[in-house]
Amino acid sequence: MDPSFLRAFANCTSHGACVPKTDANNVTCYTCSCNKKWTDDNGKAVKGFSGPVTWTGDSCQYQDISVSFQIIFWSSVSLIVTLM
């Protein structure tokens, strides 16, 4: 593992792992492979949390809420259209 990568990306903000990746020119670089866990922002498990958190971003710094948003958004739209 490349120590400079770990410093630059804060060890994938404790939400992923540093993995080597080879590009089309056969050059190896490092990237964060984000995970799906029951973790808080410090990477510690959250007791009693109802579902896994999917992390995304260059250093796994953002919570991916797109699926939850889509479910709530389209359910709301359907309800409004039905009630009209």
PDB file of N, CA and C in Angstrom:
ATOM      1  N   MET A   1       0.829  -1.172   0.000  1.00  0.00           N
ATOM      2  CA  MET A   1       0.000   0.000   0.000  1.00  0.00           C
ATOM      3  C   MET A   1       0.880   1.244   0.000  1.00  0.00           C
ATOM      4  N   ASP A   2       0.414   2.240  -0.692  1.00  0.00           N
ATOM      5  CA  ASP A   2       1.172   3.477  -0.827  1.00  0.00           C
ATOM      6  C   ASP A   2       0.853   4.418   0.342  1.00  0.00           C
ATOM      7  N   PRO A   3       1.838   4.705   1.220  1.00  0.00           N
ATOM      8  CA  PRO A   3       1.584   5.573   2.377  1.00  0.00           C
ATOM      9  C   PRO A   3       1.131   6.983   2.001  1.00  0.00           C
ATOM     10  N   SER A   4       1.624   7.497   0.862  1.00  0.00           N
ATOM     11  CA  SER A   4       1.208   8.850   0.462  1.00  0.00           C
ATOM     12  C   SER A   4      -0.274   8.869   0.082  1.00  0.00           C
ATOM     13  N   PHE A   5      -0.770   7.784  -0.489  1.00  0.00           N
ATOM     14  CA  PHE A   5      -2.194   7.694  -0.813  1.00  0.00           C
ATOM     15  C   PHE A   5      -3.019   7.680   0.471  1.00  0.00           C
ATOM     16  N   LEU A   6      -2.565   6.905   1.449  1.00  0.00           N
ATOM     17  CA  LEU A   6      -3.296   6.824   2.715  1.00  0.00           C
ATOM     18  C   LEU A   6      -3.378   8.179   3.402  1.00  0.00           C
ATOM     19  N   ARG A   7      -2.297   8.956   3.348  1.00  0.00           N
ATOM     20  CA  ARG A   7      -2.306  10.298   3.935  1.00  0.00           C
ATOM     21  C   ARG A   7      -3.212  11.243   3.149  1.00  0.00           C
ATOM     22  N   ALA A   8      -3.122  11.194   1.836  1.00  0.00           N
ATOM     23  CA  ALA A   8      -3.887  12.111   0.988  1.00  0.00           C
ATOM     24  C   ALA A   8      -5.395  11.887   1.095  1.00  0.00           C
ATOM     25  N   PHE A   9      -5.795  10.636   1.219  1.00  0.00           N
ATOM     26  CA  PHE A   9      -7.217  10.322   1.269  1.00  0.00           C
ATOM     27  C   PHE A   9      -7.677   9.872   2.645  1.00  0.00           C
ATOM     28  N   ALA A  10      -6.890  10.185   3.662  1.00  0.00           N
ATOM     29  CA  ALA A  10      -7.246   9.913   5.063  1.00  0.00           C
ATOM     30  C   ALA A  10      -7.708   8.472   5.252  1.00  0.00           C
ATOM     31  N   ASN A  11      -6.935   7.542   4.670  1.00  0.00           N
ATOM     32  CA  ASN A  11      -7.240   6.116   4.792  1.00  0.00           C
ATOM     33  C   ASN A  11      -8.670   5.821   4.334  1.00  0.00           C
ATOM     34  N   CYS A  12      -9.086   6.442   3.249  1.00  0.00           N
ATOM     35  CA  CYS A  12     -10.443   6.295   2.687  1.00  0.00           C
ATOM     36  C   CYS A  12     -11.498   6.668   3.725  1.00  0.00           C
ATOM     37  N   THR A  13     -11.201   7.619   4.568  1.00  0.00           N
ATOM     38  CA  THR A  13     -12.056   8.129   5.647  1.00  0.00           C
ATOM     39  C   THR A  13     -12.685   7.010   6.476  1.00  0.00           C
ATOM     40  N   SER A  14     -11.970   5.926   6.624  1.00  0.00           N
ATOM     41  CA  SER A  14     -12.403   4.751   7.408  1.00  0.00           C
ATOM     42  C   SER A  14     -13.668   4.100   6.864  1.00  0.00           C
ATOM     43  N   HIS A  15     -14.017   4.404   5.614  1.00  0.00           N
ATOM     44  CA  HIS A  15     -15.216   3.816   5.009  1.00  0.00           C
ATOM     45  C   HIS A  15     -14.875   2.937   3.811  1.00  0.00           C
ATOM     46  N   GLY A  16     -13.638   2.568   3.649  1.00  0.00           N
ATOM     47  CA  GLY A  16     -13.248   1.749   2.507  1.00  0.00           C
ATOM     48  C   GLY A  16     -11.832   1.254   2.670  1.00  0.00           C
ATOM     49  N   ALA A  17     -11.304   0.733   1.577  1.00  0.00           N
ATOM     50  CA  ALA A  17      -9.946   0.193   1.595  1.00  0.00           C
ATOM     51  C   ALA A  17      -9.169   0.727   0.400  1.00  0.00           C
ATOM     52  N   CYS A  18      -7.876   0.914   0.605  1.00  0.00           N
ATOM     53  CA  CYS A  18      -6.971   1.345  -0.451  1.00  0.00           C
ATOM     54  C   CYS A  18      -6.614   0.125  -1.297  1.00  0.00           C
ATOM     55  N   VAL A  19      -6.944   0.159  -2.594  1.00  0.00           N
ATOM     56  CA  VAL A  19      -6.671  -0.982  -3.467  1.00  0.00           C
ATOM     57  C   VAL A  19      -5.894  -0.520  -4.707  1.00  0.00           C
ATOM     58  N   PRO A  20      -4.990  -1.369  -5.217  1.00  0.00           N
ATOM     59  CA  PRO A  20      -4.274  -1.011  -6.445  1.00  0.00           C
ATOM     60  C   PRO A  20      -5.182  -1.176  -7.661  1.00  0.00           C
ATOM     61  N   LYS A  21      -4.986  -0.316  -8.644  1.00  0.00           N
ATOM     62  CA  LYS A  21      -5.770  -0.367  -9.880  1.00  0.00           C
ATOM     63  C   LYS A  21      -4.822  -0.125 -11.043  1.00  0.00           C
ATOM     64  N   THR A  22      -4.925  -0.920 -12.082  1.00  0.00           N
ATOM     65  CA  THR A  22      -4.069  -0.779 -13.254  1.00  0.00           C
ATOM     66  C   THR A  22      -4.869  -0.148 -14.378  1.00  0.00           C
ATOM     67  N   ASP A  23      -4.335   0.925 -14.984  1.00  0.00           N
ATOM     68  CA  ASP A  23      -5.047   1.597 -16.070  1.00  0.00           C
ATOM     69  C   ASP A  23      -4.705   0.975 -17.415  1.00  0.00           C
ATOM     70  N   ALA A  24      -5.204   1.565 -18.495  1.00  0.00           N
ATOM     71  CA  ALA A  24      -5.006   1.035 -19.848  1.00  0.00           C
ATOM     72  C   ALA A  24      -3.545   1.024 -20.272  1.00  0.00           C
ATOM     73  N   ASN A  25      -2.716   1.899 -19.692  1.00  0.00           N
ATOM     74  CA  ASN A  25      -1.293   1.961 -20.038  1.00  0.00           C
ATOM     75  C   ASN A  25      -0.438   1.068 -19.145  1.00  0.00           C
ATOM     76  N   ASN A  26      -1.083   0.188 -18.380  1.00  0.00           N
ATOM     77  CA  ASN A  26      -0.397  -0.747 -17.488  1.00  0.00           C
ATOM     78  C   ASN A  26       0.332  -0.038 -16.342  1.00  0.00           C
ATOM     79  N   VAL A  27      -0.186   1.112 -15.937  1.00  0.00           N
ATOM     80  CA  VAL A  27       0.369   1.852 -14.816  1.00  0.00           C
ATOM     81  C   VAL A  27      -0.508   1.581 -13.598  1.00  0.00           C
ATOM     82  N   THR A  28       0.125   1.179 -12.505  1.00  0.00           N
ATOM     83  CA  THR A  28      -0.623   0.887 -11.297  1.00  0.00           C
ATOM     84  C   THR A  28      -0.742   2.138 -10.435  1.00  0.00           C
ATOM     85  N   CYS A  29      -1.958   2.428 -10.025  1.00  0.00           N
ATOM     86  CA  CYS A  29      -2.209   3.526  -9.105  1.00  0.00           C
ATOM     87  C   CYS A  29      -3.121   2.980  -7.999  1.00  0.00           C
ATOM     88  N   TYR A  30      -3.466   3.814  -7.054  1.00  0.00           N
ATOM     89  CA  TYR A  30      -4.305   3.373  -5.935  1.00  0.00           C
ATOM     90  C   TYR A  30      -5.612   4.143  -5.920  1.00  0.00           C
ATOM     91  N   THR A  31      -6.646   3.469  -5.476  1.00  0.00           N
ATOM     92  CA  THR A  31      -7.967   4.074  -5.370  1.00  0.00           C
ATOM     93  C   THR A  31      -8.668   3.538  -4.131  1.00  0.00           C
ATOM     94  N   CYS A  32      -9.712   4.229  -3.701  1.00  0.00           N
ATOM     95  CA  CYS A  32     -10.488   3.752  -2.562  1.00  0.00           C
ATOM     96  C   CYS A  32     -11.606   2.843  -3.065  1.00  0.00           C
ATOM     97  N   SER A  33     -11.747   1.718  -2.439  1.00  0.00           N
ATOM     98  CA  SER A  33     -12.864   0.824  -2.697  1.00  0.00           C
ATOM     99  C   SER A  33     -13.811   0.973  -1.510  1.00  0.00           C
ATOM    100  N   CYS A  34     -14.910   1.695  -1.725  1.00  0.00           N
ATOM    101  CA  CYS A  34     -15.841   2.000  -0.633  1.00  0.00           C
ATOM    102  C   CYS A  34     -16.643   0.761  -0.258  1.00  0.00           C
ATOM    103  N   ASN A  35     -17.072   0.727   0.997  1.00  0.00           N
ATOM    104  CA  ASN A  35     -17.824  -0.426   1.450  1.00  0.00           C
ATOM    105  C   ASN A  35     -19.216  -0.040   1.899  1.00  0.00           C
ATOM    106  N   LYS A  36     -19.990  -1.045   2.225  1.00  0.00           N
ATOM    107  CA  LYS A  36     -21.349  -0.872   2.710  1.00  0.00           C
ATOM    108  C   LYS A  36     -21.381  -1.473   4.102  1.00  0.00           C
ATOM    109  N   LYS A  37     -21.489  -0.627   5.103  1.00  0.00           N
ATOM    110  CA  LYS A  37     -21.427  -1.087   6.493  1.00  0.00           C
ATOM    111  C   LYS A  37     -22.388  -0.294   7.357  1.00  0.00           C
ATOM    112  N   TRP A  38     -22.546  -0.751   8.566  1.00  0.00           N
ATOM    113  CA  TRP A  38     -23.269  -0.009   9.592  1.00  0.00           C
ATOM    114  C   TRP A  38     -22.232   0.800  10.354  1.00  0.00           C
ATOM    115  N   THR A  39     -21.797   1.910   9.773  1.00  0.00           N
ATOM    116  CA  THR A  39     -20.758   2.715  10.406  1.00  0.00           C
ATOM    117  C   THR A  39     -21.156   4.178  10.479  1.00  0.00           C
ATOM    118  N   ASP A  40     -20.577   4.871  11.442  1.00  0.00           N
ATOM    119  CA  ASP A  40     -20.763   6.312  11.531  1.00  0.00           C
ATOM    120  C   ASP A  40     -19.617   6.997  10.797  1.00  0.00           C
ATOM    121  N   ASP A  41     -19.496   8.305  10.935  1.00  0.00           N
ATOM    122  CA  ASP A  41     -18.445   9.041  10.228  1.00  0.00           C
ATOM    123  C   ASP A  41     -17.039   8.698  10.702  1.00  0.00           C
ATOM    124  N   ASN A  42     -16.922   8.099  11.872  1.00  0.00           N
ATOM    125  CA  ASN A  42     -15.613   7.691  12.378  1.00  0.00           C
ATOM    126  C   ASN A  42     -15.293   6.246  12.025  1.00  0.00           C
ATOM    127  N   GLY A  43     -16.175   5.573  11.269  1.00  0.00           N
ATOM    128  CA  GLY A  43     -15.940   4.193  10.880  1.00  0.00           C
ATOM    129  C   GLY A  43     -16.307   3.188  11.955  1.00  0.00           C
ATOM    130  N   LYS A  44     -16.963   3.646  13.009  1.00  0.00           N
ATOM    131  CA  LYS A  44     -17.352   2.752  14.094  1.00  0.00           C
ATOM    132  C   LYS A  44     -18.775   2.257  13.863  1.00  0.00           C
ATOM    133  N   ALA A  45     -19.035   1.004  14.252  1.00  0.00           N
ATOM    134  CA  ALA A  45     -20.362   0.425  14.070  1.00  0.00           C
ATOM    135  C   ALA A  45     -21.407   1.187  14.884  1.00  0.00           C
ATOM    136  N   VAL A  46     -22.565   1.379  14.289  1.00  0.00           N
ATOM    137  CA  VAL A  46     -23.667   2.059  14.959  1.00  0.00           C
ATOM    138  C   VAL A  46     -24.608   0.999  15.518  1.00  0.00           C
ATOM    139  N   LYS A  47     -24.759   0.965  16.820  1.00  0.00           N
ATOM    140  CA  LYS A  47     -25.622  -0.029  17.452  1.00  0.00           C
ATOM    141  C   LYS A  47     -27.078   0.292  17.159  1.00  0.00           C
ATOM    142  N   GLY A  48     -27.833  -0.722  16.778  1.00  0.00           N
ATOM    143  CA  GLY A  48     -29.258  -0.561  16.550  1.00  0.00           C
ATOM    144  C   GLY A  48     -29.628   0.112  15.240  1.00  0.00           C
ATOM    145  N   PHE A  49     -28.664   0.358  14.368  1.00  0.00           N
ATOM    146  CA  PHE A  49     -28.973   0.992  13.084  1.00  0.00           C
ATOM    147  C   PHE A  49     -29.675  -0.018  12.191  1.00  0.00           C
ATOM    148  N   SER A  50     -30.708   0.409  11.479  1.00  0.00           N
ATOM    149  CA  SER A  50     -31.574  -0.525  10.757  1.00  0.00           C
ATOM    150  C   SER A  50     -31.050  -0.996   9.403  1.00  0.00           C
ATOM    151  N   GLY A  51     -30.032  -0.386   8.863  1.00  0.00           N
ATOM    152  CA  GLY A  51     -29.559  -0.818   7.549  1.00  0.00           C
ATOM    153  C   GLY A  51     -28.157  -0.357   7.258  1.00  0.00           C
ATOM    154  N   PRO A  52     -27.550  -0.962   6.264  1.00  0.00           N
ATOM    155  CA  PRO A  52     -26.177  -0.572   5.930  1.00  0.00           C
ATOM    156  C   PRO A  52     -26.124   0.788   5.245  1.00  0.00           C
ATOM    157  N   VAL A  53     -25.000   1.456   5.422  1.00  0.00           N
ATOM    158  CA  VAL A  53     -24.751   2.744   4.774  1.00  0.00           C
ATOM    159  C   VAL A  53     -23.788   2.481   3.630  1.00  0.00           C
ATOM    160  N   THR A  54     -24.133   2.952   2.443  1.00  0.00           N
ATOM    161  CA  THR A  54     -23.248   2.820   1.297  1.00  0.00           C
ATOM    162  C   THR A  54     -22.466   4.118   1.176  1.00  0.00           C
ATOM    163  N   TRP A  55     -21.140   4.002   1.131  1.00  0.00           N
ATOM    164  CA  TRP A  55     -20.261   5.174   1.043  1.00  0.00           C
ATOM    165  C   TRP A  55     -19.779   5.342  -0.378  1.00  0.00           C
ATOM    166  N   THR A  56     -19.603   6.593  -0.813  1.00  0.00           N
ATOM    167  CA  THR A  56     -19.169   6.887  -2.173  1.00  0.00           C
ATOM    168  C   THR A  56     -18.264   8.129  -2.157  1.00  0.00           C
ATOM    169  N   GLY A  57     -17.663   8.446  -3.286  1.00  0.00           N
ATOM    170  CA  GLY A  57     -16.766   9.598  -3.400  1.00  0.00           C
ATOM    171  C   GLY A  57     -15.334   9.130  -3.563  1.00  0.00           C
ATOM    172  N   ASP A  58     -14.452  10.064  -3.905  1.00  0.00           N
ATOM    173  CA  ASP A  58     -13.046   9.721  -4.129  1.00  0.00           C
ATOM    174  C   ASP A  58     -12.398   9.072  -2.921  1.00  0.00           C
ATOM    175  N   SER A  59     -12.740   9.553  -1.739  1.00  0.00           N
ATOM    176  CA  SER A  59     -12.165   8.960  -0.525  1.00  0.00           C
ATOM    177  C   SER A  59     -13.259   8.398   0.379  1.00  0.00           C
ATOM    178  N   CYS A  60     -14.374   7.959  -0.238  1.00  0.00           N
ATOM    179  CA  CYS A  60     -15.510   7.355   0.480  1.00  0.00           C
ATOM    180  C   CYS A  60     -16.057   8.307   1.539  1.00  0.00           C
ATOM    181  N   GLN A  61     -16.109   9.595   1.234  1.00  0.00           N
ATOM    182  CA  GLN A  61     -16.488  10.604   2.215  1.00  0.00           C
ATOM    183  C   GLN A  61     -17.980  10.929   2.217  1.00  0.00           C
ATOM    184  N   TYR A  62     -18.748  10.460   1.241  1.00  0.00           N
ATOM    185  CA  TYR A  62     -20.171  10.785   1.164  1.00  0.00           C
ATOM    186  C   TYR A  62     -21.028   9.540   1.363  1.00  0.00           C
ATOM    187  N   GLN A  63     -22.168   9.732   2.026  1.00  0.00           N
ATOM    188  CA  GLN A  63     -23.147   8.651   2.119  1.00  0.00           C
ATOM    189  C   GLN A  63     -23.966   8.656   0.839  1.00  0.00           C
ATOM    190  N   ASP A  64     -24.125   7.492   0.234  1.00  0.00           N
ATOM    191  CA  ASP A  64     -24.922   7.379  -0.986  1.00  0.00           C
ATOM    192  C   ASP A  64     -26.381   7.183  -0.587  1.00  0.00           C
ATOM    193  N   ILE A  65     -27.171   8.232  -0.749  1.00  0.00           N
ATOM    194  CA  ILE A  65     -28.586   8.160  -0.372  1.00  0.00           C
ATOM    195  C   ILE A  65     -29.492   8.171  -1.600  1.00  0.00           C
ATOM    196  N   SER A  66     -28.940   7.937  -2.781  1.00  0.00           N
ATOM    197  CA  SER A  66     -29.721   8.065  -4.008  1.00  0.00           C
ATOM    198  C   SER A  66     -30.878   7.073  -4.066  1.00  0.00           C
ATOM    199  N   VAL A  67     -30.696   5.839  -3.623  1.00  0.00           N
ATOM    200  CA  VAL A  67     -31.769   4.851  -3.667  1.00  0.00           C
ATOM    201  C   VAL A  67     -32.885   5.246  -2.708  1.00  0.00           C
ATOM    202  N   SER A  68     -32.545   5.624  -1.493  1.00  0.00           N
ATOM    203  CA  SER A  68     -33.548   6.057  -0.520  1.00  0.00           C
ATOM    204  C   SER A  68     -34.317   7.273  -1.040  1.00  0.00           C
ATOM    205  N   PHE A  69     -33.586   8.208  -1.627  1.00  0.00           N
ATOM    206  CA  PHE A  69     -34.230   9.401  -2.180  1.00  0.00           C
ATOM    207  C   PHE A  69     -35.213   9.030  -3.275  1.00  0.00           C
ATOM    208  N   GLN A  70     -34.800   8.164  -4.196  1.00  0.00           N
ATOM    209  CA  GLN A  70     -35.672   7.768  -5.310  1.00  0.00           C
ATOM    210  C   GLN A  70     -36.952   7.108  -4.809  1.00  0.00           C
ATOM    211  N   ILE A  71     -36.846   6.238  -3.814  1.00  0.00           N
ATOM    212  CA  ILE A  71     -38.025   5.557  -3.276  1.00  0.00           C
ATOM    213  C   ILE A  71     -38.991   6.570  -2.670  1.00  0.00           C
ATOM    214  N   ILE A  72     -38.479   7.476  -1.849  1.00  0.00           N
ATOM    215  CA  ILE A  72     -39.340   8.474  -1.210  1.00  0.00           C
ATOM    216  C   ILE A  72     -39.922   9.433  -2.246  1.00  0.00           C
ATOM    217  N   PHE A  73     -39.111   9.891  -3.180  1.00  0.00           N
ATOM    218  CA  PHE A  73     -39.565  10.841  -4.188  1.00  0.00           C
ATOM    219  C   PHE A  73     -40.678  10.265  -5.046  1.00  0.00           C
ATOM    220  N   TRP A  74     -40.460   9.089  -5.626  1.00  0.00           N
ATOM    221  CA  TRP A  74     -41.456   8.520  -6.540  1.00  0.00           C
ATOM    222  C   TRP A  74     -42.699   8.030  -5.804  1.00  0.00           C
ATOM    223  N   SER A  75     -42.550   7.602  -4.568  1.00  0.00           N
ATOM    224  CA  SER A  75     -43.729   7.244  -3.774  1.00  0.00           C
ATOM    225  C   SER A  75     -44.579   8.487  -3.511  1.00  0.00           C
ATOM    226  N   SER A  76     -43.935   9.594  -3.214  1.00  0.00           N
ATOM    227  CA  SER A  76     -44.651  10.850  -2.980  1.00  0.00           C
ATOM    228  C   SER A  76     -45.343  11.330  -4.249  1.00  0.00           C
ATOM    229  N   VAL A  77     -44.669  11.266  -5.367  1.00  0.00           N
ATOM    230  CA  VAL A  77     -45.262  11.672  -6.644  1.00  0.00           C
ATOM    231  C   VAL A  77     -46.480  10.799  -6.953  1.00  0.00           C
ATOM    232  N   SER A  78     -46.350   9.498  -6.762  1.00  0.00           N
ATOM    233  CA  SER A  78     -47.475   8.588  -7.023  1.00  0.00           C
ATOM    234  C   SER A  78     -48.654   8.885  -6.123  1.00  0.00           C
ATOM    235  N   LEU A  79     -48.396   9.166  -4.867  1.00  0.00           N
ATOM    236  CA  LEU A  79     -49.455   9.486  -3.918  1.00  0.00           C
ATOM    237  C   LEU A  79     -50.159  10.776  -4.305  1.00  0.00           C
ATOM    238  N   ILE A  80     -49.416  11.787  -4.683  1.00  0.00           N
ATOM    239  CA  ILE A  80     -49.998  13.067  -5.080  1.00  0.00           C
ATOM    240  C   ILE A  80     -50.849  12.905  -6.347  1.00  0.00           C
ATOM    241  N   VAL A  81     -50.347  12.166  -7.317  1.00  0.00           N
ATOM    242  CA  VAL A  81     -51.088  11.948  -8.570  1.00  0.00           C
ATOM    243  C   VAL A  81     -52.361  11.157  -8.280  1.00  0.00           C
ATOM    244  N   THR A  82     -52.290  10.179  -7.404  1.00  0.00           N
ATOM    245  CA  THR A  82     -53.460   9.366  -7.059  1.00  0.00           C
ATOM    246  C   THR A  82     -54.531  10.208  -6.355  1.00  0.00           C
ATOM    247  N   LEU A  83     -54.115  11.128  -5.520  1.00  0.00           N
ATOM    248  CA  LEU A  83     -55.058  11.942  -4.757  1.00  0.00           C
ATOM    249  C   LEU A  83     -55.675  13.081  -5.579  1.00  0.00           C
ATOM    250  N   MET A  84     -55.136  13.368  -6.737  1.00  0.00           N
ATOM    251  CA  MET A  84     -55.662  14.473  -7.551  1.00  0.00           C
ATOM    252  C   MET A  84     -56.921  14.078  -8.261  1.00  0.00           C
TER     253      MET A  84
END
